[in-house]
Amino acid sequence: MAARLAFGNSLKELRFLFCQTGEGSAAVRAFVRKSYPLMKKHNPHTPILIREALGTPPRVFARYGVYPCRTEE
């Protein structure tokens, strides 16, 4: 599991957006709660941003270098 949480050098930023109370965001909240400490431990210089907003569908943004963000919903 720890090897999957170590990002490559090309990843510049990782952003999680989700609703703090919505059922659709429950899995993302659980993942962030469980995995954030390990992600930061293995990637101390990569910004990991967590944004909670009411009614927001769960999304993950990954930024690689100067190219546009890649979004997963």
Protein backbone atom coordinates (compact mmCIF):
# COMPACT_ATOMS: atom_id res chain seq x y z
CA MET A 1 0.00 0.00 0.00
CA ALA A 2 2.78 2.45 0.86
CA ALA A 3 4.36 2.07 -2.57
CA ARG A 4 1.13 3.22 -4.23
CA LEU A 5 1.10 6.37 -2.09
CA ALA A 6 4.57 7.47 -3.22
CA PHE A 7 4.04 9.79 -6.20
CA GLY A 8 6.42 10.22 -9.11
CA ASN A 9 8.43 13.40 -9.65
CA SER A 10 6.08 14.54 -12.42
CA LEU A 11 3.13 15.09 -10.03
CA LYS A 12 3.23 18.72 -8.86
CA GLU A 13 -0.05 18.99 -6.91
CA LEU A 14 -3.00 16.84 -5.83
CA ARG A 15 -6.39 18.37 -4.94
CA PHE A 16 -9.43 16.68 -3.38
CA LEU A 17 -12.81 18.44 -3.61
CA PHE A 18 -15.85 16.97 -1.89
CA CYS A 19 -18.92 17.70 0.22
CA GLN A 20 -18.37 17.47 3.96
CA THR A 21 -21.82 15.93 4.60
CA GLY A 22 -23.00 14.35 1.32
CA GLU A 23 -23.44 10.60 0.92
CA GLY A 24 -21.71 10.70 -2.47
CA SER A 25 -18.54 12.01 -0.85
CA ALA A 26 -18.41 9.47 1.99
CA ALA A 27 -15.88 7.22 0.23
CA VAL A 28 -13.59 10.16 -0.58
CA ARG A 29 -13.77 11.43 3.01
CA ALA A 30 -12.88 7.95 4.30
CA PHE A 31 -10.00 7.63 1.82
CA VAL A 32 -8.56 11.04 2.74
CA ARG A 33 -8.92 10.36 6.47
CA LYS A 34 -7.13 7.01 6.11
CA SER A 35 -4.51 7.81 3.46
CA TYR A 36 -3.54 11.46 3.95
CA PRO A 37 -0.91 10.81 6.67
CA LEU A 38 0.83 8.19 4.51
CA MET A 39 0.62 10.34 1.37
CA LYS A 40 2.27 13.27 3.20
CA LYS A 41 4.88 11.00 4.77
CA HIS A 42 5.95 9.58 1.39
CA ASN A 43 5.55 12.89 -0.52
CA PRO A 44 6.54 15.69 1.88
CA HIS A 45 7.21 18.27 -0.87
CA THR A 46 4.07 17.65 -2.96
CA PRO A 47 1.13 19.91 -2.04
CA ILE A 48 -1.99 17.92 -1.18
CA LEU A 49 -4.98 20.24 -0.96
CA ILE A 50 -8.27 19.22 0.62
CA ARG A 51 -11.31 21.40 -0.06
CA GLU A 52 -14.75 20.76 1.41
CA ALA A 53 -17.75 22.64 0.02
CA LEU A 54 -21.43 21.96 0.57
CA GLY A 55 -23.04 20.19 -2.39
CA THR A 56 -19.79 19.67 -4.30
CA PRO A 57 -19.51 16.34 -6.14
CA PRO A 58 -16.34 14.41 -5.22
CA ARG A 59 -13.46 15.14 -7.59
CA VAL A 60 -9.70 14.70 -7.64
CA PHE A 61 -7.40 17.01 -9.59
CA ALA A 62 -3.80 16.08 -10.36
CA ARG A 63 -1.42 18.68 -11.80
CA TYR A 64 1.61 17.49 -13.75
CA GLY A 65 4.18 20.17 -14.64
CA VAL A 66 2.95 22.93 -16.95
CA TYR A 67 0.23 20.89 -18.62
CA PRO A 68 -3.46 21.38 -17.73
CA CYS A 69 -4.87 19.51 -14.72
CA ARG A 70 -6.20 16.01 -15.14
CA THR A 71 -9.58 15.55 -13.44
CA GLU A 72 -11.19 12.36 -12.18
CA GLU A 73 -14.83 12.30 -11.07
